Amino acid sequence: MLRGGKELWLALLAGILITGVYGAVVVFTQRIPAAGELFGHLLGVFGFLLMLMTETLYSLRKRTRSARWGKMSSWLQFHIFTGLVGPYMVLLHTSWKFNGIAGVTTLFTVIIVISGFIGRYIFTRIPRTLDGLEIEGALSESALRQARRLMSLWHAVHIPIGMVLFVTAFVHMGGALYYATFLK
């Protein structure tokens, strides 16, 4: 299940590789890549696509129990991996400038990633089968009830923050397209 943290190690490895490419671009160009240039756009677009996959694919798999698209634990690992790598790429896309709606979007991105780490911690406290189903009786009933309550509270916070994040991201993209493309 999630006990080994394979998805965290893979996300770290991907982050190191992305940082290496980003560093090479900085050395080659002798400056921080601008968000509005090709490399900056690519970081933002691919990072956003990973975040969109994070938001949609795991949720779809979770809600269609009849579909056999792999184990839920694998989908959760994919959700965590893309939920770390995508925001990191979006952070690099910012060119270290946090103004306007883009700054608000970045703030929500950081909040959602921190919230995801909290959710992962709570999730790993509940004993589960390899398929992700809770194991009844593995914990004392009061501890299990408390862990379920914490998970429910976490969902009540994490999901709306994710929705606000995507609304601000779409507003940012619309503004960027309008001001940087359509007005030229």
C-alpha atoms as a PDB file:
ATOM      1  CA  MET A   1       0.000   0.000   0.000  1.00  0.00           C
ATOM      2  CA  LEU A   2       1.366   3.458   0.844  1.00  0.00           C
ATOM      3  CA  ARG A   3       3.585   2.337   3.663  1.00  0.00           C
ATOM      4  CA  GLY A   4       6.747   2.152   1.515  1.00  0.00           C
ATOM      5  CA  GLY A   5       6.460   5.607   0.006  1.00  0.00           C
ATOM      6  CA  LYS A   6       7.483   4.512  -3.506  1.00  0.00           C
ATOM      7  CA  GLU A   7       5.493   7.382  -5.004  1.00  0.00           C
ATOM      8  CA  LEU A   8       7.383   9.872  -2.825  1.00  0.00           C
ATOM      9  CA  TRP A   9      10.757   8.540  -3.961  1.00  0.00           C
ATOM     10  CA  LEU A  10       9.679   8.632  -7.607  1.00  0.00           C
ATOM     11  CA  ALA A  11       8.411  12.202  -7.177  1.00  0.00           C
ATOM     12  CA  LEU A  12      11.726  13.162  -5.589  1.00  0.00           C
ATOM     13  CA  LEU A  13      13.624  11.597  -8.490  1.00  0.00           C
ATOM     14  CA  ALA A  14      11.422  13.409 -11.020  1.00  0.00           C
ATOM     15  CA  GLY A  15      11.940  16.648  -9.091  1.00  0.00           C
ATOM     16  CA  ILE A  16      15.702  16.202  -9.209  1.00  0.00           C
ATOM     17  CA  LEU A  17      15.594  15.568 -12.965  1.00  0.00           C
ATOM     18  CA  ILE A  18      13.348  18.602 -13.561  1.00  0.00           C
ATOM     19  CA  THR A  19      15.619  20.727 -11.362  1.00  0.00           C
ATOM     20  CA  GLY A  20      18.620  19.565 -13.398  1.00  0.00           C
ATOM     21  CA  VAL A  21      16.972  20.614 -16.661  1.00  0.00           C
ATOM     22  CA  TYR A  22      15.848  23.914 -15.106  1.00  0.00           C
ATOM     23  CA  GLY A  23      19.387  24.520 -13.816  1.00  0.00           C
ATOM     24  CA  ALA A  24      20.848  23.782 -17.242  1.00  0.00           C
ATOM     25  CA  VAL A  25      18.485  26.331 -18.810  1.00  0.00           C
ATOM     26  CA  VAL A  26      19.499  28.915 -16.185  1.00  0.00           C
ATOM     27  CA  VAL A  27      23.211  28.267 -16.829  1.00  0.00           C
ATOM     28  CA  PHE A  28      22.773  28.298 -20.611  1.00  0.00           C
ATOM     29  CA  THR A  29      20.670  31.497 -20.725  1.00  0.00           C
ATOM     30  CA  GLN A  30      22.336  33.161 -17.728  1.00  0.00           C
ATOM     31  CA  ARG A  31      18.934  34.088 -16.250  1.00  0.00           C
ATOM     32  CA  ILE A  32      15.803  32.659 -14.661  1.00  0.00           C
ATOM     33  CA  PRO A  33      13.424  31.441 -17.394  1.00  0.00           C
ATOM     34  CA  ALA A  34      10.489  33.831 -17.803  1.00  0.00           C
ATOM     35  CA  ALA A  35       7.017  32.370 -17.353  1.00  0.00           C
ATOM     36  CA  GLY A  36       5.943  33.799 -20.703  1.00  0.00           C
ATOM     37  CA  GLU A  37       8.740  32.252 -22.764  1.00  0.00           C
ATOM     38  CA  LEU A  38       8.745  28.786 -24.325  1.00  0.00           C
ATOM     39  CA  PHE A  39      10.503  26.932 -21.484  1.00  0.00           C
ATOM     40  CA  GLY A  40       8.419  28.715 -18.833  1.00  0.00           C
ATOM     41  CA  HIS A  41       5.210  27.962 -20.713  1.00  0.00           C
ATOM     42  CA  LEU A  42       6.183  24.308 -21.088  1.00  0.00           C
ATOM     43  CA  LEU A  43       6.774  24.042 -17.341  1.00  0.00           C
ATOM     44  CA  GLY A  44       3.404  25.641 -16.632  1.00  0.00           C
ATOM     45  CA  VAL A  45       1.463  23.628 -19.202  1.00  0.00           C
ATOM     46  CA  PHE A  46       2.941  20.246 -18.292  1.00  0.00           C
ATOM     47  CA  GLY A  47       2.726  21.008 -14.578  1.00  0.00           C
ATOM     48  CA  PHE A  48      -0.915  22.019 -14.935  1.00  0.00           C
ATOM     49  CA  LEU A  49      -1.707  18.907 -16.983  1.00  0.00           C
ATOM     50  CA  LEU A  50      -0.192  16.745 -14.243  1.00  0.00           C
ATOM     51  CA  MET A  51      -2.254  18.618 -11.663  1.00  0.00           C
ATOM     52  CA  LEU A  52      -5.386  18.172 -13.773  1.00  0.00           C
ATOM     53  CA  MET A  53      -4.641  14.458 -13.997  1.00  0.00           C
ATOM     54  CA  THR A  54      -4.171  14.447 -10.227  1.00  0.00           C
ATOM     55  CA  GLU A  55      -7.560  16.019  -9.732  1.00  0.00           C
ATOM     56  CA  THR A  56      -9.573  13.999 -12.237  1.00  0.00           C
ATOM     57  CA  LEU A  57      -8.186  10.513 -12.886  1.00  0.00           C
ATOM     58  CA  TYR A  58      -7.978   9.296  -9.279  1.00  0.00           C
ATOM     59  CA  SER A  59     -11.409  10.735  -8.515  1.00  0.00           C
ATOM     60  CA  LEU A  60     -12.931   9.053 -11.570  1.00  0.00           C
ATOM     61  CA  ARG A  61     -11.370   5.704 -10.664  1.00  0.00           C
ATOM     62  CA  LYS A  62     -12.533   6.040  -7.081  1.00  0.00           C
ATOM     63  CA  ARG A  63     -16.124   6.705  -8.098  1.00  0.00           C
ATOM     64  CA  THR A  64     -16.396   3.944 -10.734  1.00  0.00           C
ATOM     65  CA  ARG A  65     -15.974   0.875  -8.607  1.00  0.00           C
ATOM     66  CA  SER A  66     -17.260  -1.415 -11.360  1.00  0.00           C
ATOM     67  CA  ALA A  67     -14.382  -0.439 -13.669  1.00  0.00           C
ATOM     68  CA  ARG A  68     -11.249  -2.549 -13.450  1.00  0.00           C
ATOM     69  CA  TRP A  69      -8.597   0.059 -14.270  1.00  0.00           C
ATOM     70  CA  GLY A  70      -6.047  -1.209 -11.790  1.00  0.00           C
ATOM     71  CA  LYS A  71      -5.825  -1.278  -8.016  1.00  0.00           C
ATOM     72  CA  MET A  72      -6.944   1.754  -6.028  1.00  0.00           C
ATOM     73  CA  SER A  73      -3.596   1.767  -4.215  1.00  0.00           C
ATOM     74  CA  SER A  74      -1.786   2.205  -7.557  1.00  0.00           C
ATOM     75  CA  TRP A  75      -4.118   5.039  -8.501  1.00  0.00           C
ATOM     76  CA  LEU A  76      -3.507   6.708  -5.146  1.00  0.00           C
ATOM     77  CA  GLN A  77       0.249   6.444  -5.693  1.00  0.00           C
ATOM     78  CA  PHE A  78      -0.197   8.005  -9.142  1.00  0.00           C
ATOM     79  CA  HIS A  79      -2.351  10.744  -7.562  1.00  0.00           C
ATOM     80  CA  ILE A  80       0.373  11.532  -5.024  1.00  0.00           C
ATOM     81  CA  PHE A  81       3.165  11.453  -7.630  1.00  0.00           C
ATOM     82  CA  THR A  82       1.397  13.814 -10.052  1.00  0.00           C
ATOM     83  CA  GLY A  83       0.203  15.899  -7.108  1.00  0.00           C
ATOM     84  CA  LEU A  84       3.828  16.593  -6.185  1.00  0.00           C
ATOM     85  CA  VAL A  85       5.553  16.810  -9.560  1.00  0.00           C
ATOM     86  CA  GLY A  86       2.882  18.972 -11.243  1.00  0.00           C
ATOM     87  CA  PRO A  87       2.867  21.684  -8.570  1.00  0.00           C
ATOM     88  CA  TYR A  88       6.677  21.707  -8.530  1.00  0.00           C
ATOM     89  CA  MET A  89       6.715  22.377 -12.270  1.00  0.00           C
ATOM     90  CA  VAL A  90       4.103  25.117 -11.836  1.00  0.00           C
ATOM     91  CA  LEU A  91       6.241  26.656  -9.080  1.00  0.00           C
ATOM     92  CA  LEU A  92       9.212  26.751 -11.453  1.00  0.00           C
ATOM     93  CA  HIS A  93       6.922  28.271 -14.101  1.00  0.00           C
ATOM     94  CA  THR A  94       6.341  31.324 -11.871  1.00  0.00           C
ATOM     95  CA  SER A  95       9.878  32.657 -12.454  1.00  0.00           C
ATOM     96  CA  TRP A  96       9.825  33.313  -8.700  1.00  0.00           C
ATOM     97  CA  LYS A  97       7.292  36.142  -9.113  1.00  0.00           C
ATOM     98  CA  PHE A  98       4.087  35.872  -7.127  1.00  0.00           C
ATOM     99  CA  ASN A  99       1.919  38.795  -8.235  1.00  0.00           C
ATOM    100  CA  GLY A 100      -1.794  39.012  -8.964  1.00  0.00           C
ATOM    101  CA  ILE A 101      -3.953  35.998  -9.692  1.00  0.00           C
ATOM    102  CA  ALA A 102      -0.869  33.919 -10.519  1.00  0.00           C
ATOM    103  CA  GLY A 103       0.419  34.562  -6.993  1.00  0.00           C
ATOM    104  CA  VAL A 104      -2.930  33.542  -5.503  1.00  0.00           C
ATOM    105  CA  THR A 105      -2.906  30.385  -7.612  1.00  0.00           C
ATOM    106  CA  THR A 106       0.618  29.598  -6.413  1.00  0.00           C
ATOM    107  CA  LEU A 107      -0.475  30.108  -2.794  1.00  0.00           C
ATOM    108  CA  PHE A 108      -3.372  27.677  -3.251  1.00  0.00           C
ATOM    109  CA  THR A 109      -1.008  25.233  -4.940  1.00  0.00           C
ATOM    110  CA  VAL A 110       1.322  25.271  -1.923  1.00  0.00           C
ATOM    111  CA  ILE A 111      -1.641  24.904   0.454  1.00  0.00           C
ATOM    112  CA  ILE A 112      -3.061  21.936  -1.472  1.00  0.00           C
ATOM    113  CA  VAL A 113       0.310  20.147  -1.506  1.00  0.00           C
ATOM    114  CA  ILE A 114       0.726  20.620   2.260  1.00  0.00           C
ATOM    115  CA  SER A 115      -2.848  19.431   2.738  1.00  0.00           C
ATOM    116  CA  GLY A 116      -2.053  16.387   0.590  1.00  0.00           C
ATOM    117  CA  PHE A 117       0.840  15.439   2.864  1.00  0.00           C
ATOM    118  CA  ILE A 118      -1.489  15.709   5.865  1.00  0.00           C
ATOM    119  CA  GLY A 119      -4.089  13.551   4.106  1.00  0.00           C
ATOM    120  CA  ARG A 120      -1.498  10.945   3.195  1.00  0.00           C
ATOM    121  CA  TYR A 121      -0.424  10.774   6.831  1.00  0.00           C
ATOM    122  CA  ILE A 122      -4.006  10.320   8.052  1.00  0.00           C
ATOM    123  CA  PHE A 123      -4.708   7.759   5.305  1.00  0.00           C
ATOM    124  CA  THR A 124      -1.727   5.605   6.309  1.00  0.00           C
ATOM    125  CA  ARG A 125      -2.995   5.459   9.903  1.00  0.00           C
ATOM    126  CA  ILE A 126      -6.030   3.436   8.781  1.00  0.00           C
ATOM    127  CA  PRO A 127      -5.189  -0.246   8.160  1.00  0.00           C
ATOM    128  CA  ARG A 128      -6.147  -1.314   4.614  1.00  0.00           C
ATOM    129  CA  THR A 129      -5.957  -4.286   2.295  1.00  0.00           C
ATOM    130  CA  LEU A 130      -3.798  -4.163  -0.840  1.00  0.00           C
ATOM    131  CA  ASP A 131      -6.871  -2.984  -2.721  1.00  0.00           C
ATOM    132  CA  GLY A 132      -7.290  -0.022  -0.375  1.00  0.00           C
ATOM    133  CA  LEU A 133     -10.281  -1.309   1.582  1.00  0.00           C
ATOM    134  CA  GLU A 134     -10.341  -0.649   5.301  1.00  0.00           C
ATOM    135  CA  ILE A 135      -9.643  -3.638   7.543  1.00  0.00           C
ATOM    136  CA  GLU A 136     -12.252  -3.809  10.258  1.00  0.00           C
ATOM    137  CA  GLY A 137     -11.052  -4.705  13.736  1.00  0.00           C
ATOM    138  CA  ALA A 138      -7.368  -3.995  13.029  1.00  0.00           C
ATOM    139  CA  LEU A 139      -7.458  -0.977  15.313  1.00  0.00           C
ATOM    140  CA  SER A 140      -9.522  -0.397  18.383  1.00  0.00           C
ATOM    141  CA  GLU A 141     -12.960   0.820  17.345  1.00  0.00           C
ATOM    142  CA  SER A 142     -12.423   4.270  18.902  1.00  0.00           C
ATOM    143  CA  ALA A 143      -9.066   4.777  17.120  1.00  0.00           C
ATOM    144  CA  LEU A 144     -10.584   3.709  13.807  1.00  0.00           C
ATOM    145  CA  ARG A 145     -13.570   6.000  14.352  1.00  0.00           C
ATOM    146  CA  GLN A 146     -11.226   8.908  15.138  1.00  0.00           C
ATOM    147  CA  ALA A 147      -9.083   8.229  12.036  1.00  0.00           C
ATOM    148  CA  ARG A 148     -12.215   8.099   9.854  1.00  0.00           C
ATOM    149  CA  ARG A 149     -13.437  11.375  11.360  1.00  0.00           C
ATOM    150  CA  LEU A 150     -10.061  13.026  10.672  1.00  0.00           C
ATOM    151  CA  MET A 151     -10.095  11.713   7.096  1.00  0.00           C
ATOM    152  CA  SER A 152     -13.614  13.047   6.591  1.00  0.00           C
ATOM    153  CA  LEU A 153     -12.632  16.461   7.982  1.00  0.00           C
ATOM    154  CA  TRP A 154      -9.532  16.483   5.794  1.00  0.00           C
ATOM    155  CA  HIS A 155     -11.653  15.751   2.690  1.00  0.00           C
ATOM    156  CA  ALA A 156     -14.010  18.588   3.654  1.00  0.00           C
ATOM    157  CA  VAL A 157     -11.038  20.986   3.529  1.00  0.00           C
ATOM    158  CA  HIS A 158      -8.831  19.483   0.802  1.00  0.00           C
ATOM    159  CA  ILE A 159     -11.433  19.151  -1.946  1.00  0.00           C
ATOM    160  CA  PRO A 160     -12.795  22.739  -1.806  1.00  0.00           C
ATOM    161  CA  ILE A 161      -9.236  24.120  -1.748  1.00  0.00           C
ATOM    162  CA  GLY A 162      -8.518  22.042  -4.856  1.00  0.00           C
ATOM    163  CA  MET A 163     -11.595  23.480  -6.557  1.00  0.00           C
ATOM    164  CA  VAL A 164     -10.571  27.043  -5.724  1.00  0.00           C
ATOM    165  CA  LEU A 165      -7.065  26.266  -6.993  1.00  0.00           C
ATOM    166  CA  PHE A 166      -8.404  25.152 -10.363  1.00  0.00           C
ATOM    167  CA  VAL A 167     -10.762  28.112 -10.674  1.00  0.00           C
ATOM    168  CA  THR A 168      -7.873  30.528 -10.067  1.00  0.00           C
ATOM    169  CA  ALA A 169      -5.652  28.533 -12.444  1.00  0.00           C
ATOM    170  CA  PHE A 170      -8.217  28.779 -15.243  1.00  0.00           C
ATOM    171  CA  VAL A 171      -8.648  32.510 -14.569  1.00  0.00           C
ATOM    172  CA  HIS A 172      -4.858  32.898 -14.722  1.00  0.00           C
ATOM    173  CA  MET A 173      -4.676  30.985 -18.012  1.00  0.00           C
ATOM    174  CA  GLY A 174      -7.523  33.009 -19.479  1.00  0.00           C
ATOM    175  CA  GLY A 175      -5.844  36.257 -18.460  1.00  0.00           C
ATOM    176  CA  ALA A 176      -2.480  35.116 -19.780  1.00  0.00           C
ATOM    177  CA  LEU A 177      -4.002  34.166 -23.125  1.00  0.00           C
ATOM    178  CA  TYR A 178      -5.937  37.413 -23.351  1.00  0.00           C
ATOM    179  CA  TYR A 179      -3.147  39.802 -22.362  1.00  0.00           C
ATOM    180  CA  ALA A 180      -0.138  37.986 -23.814  1.00  0.00           C
ATOM    181  CA  THR A 181      -1.672  36.563 -26.973  1.00  0.00           C
ATOM    182  CA  PHE A 182      -4.906  38.185 -28.061  1.00  0.00           C
ATOM    183  CA  LEU A 183      -3.863  41.791 -27.394  1.00  0.00           C
ATOM    184  CA  LYS A 184      -0.668  41.510 -29.448  1.00  0.00           C
END
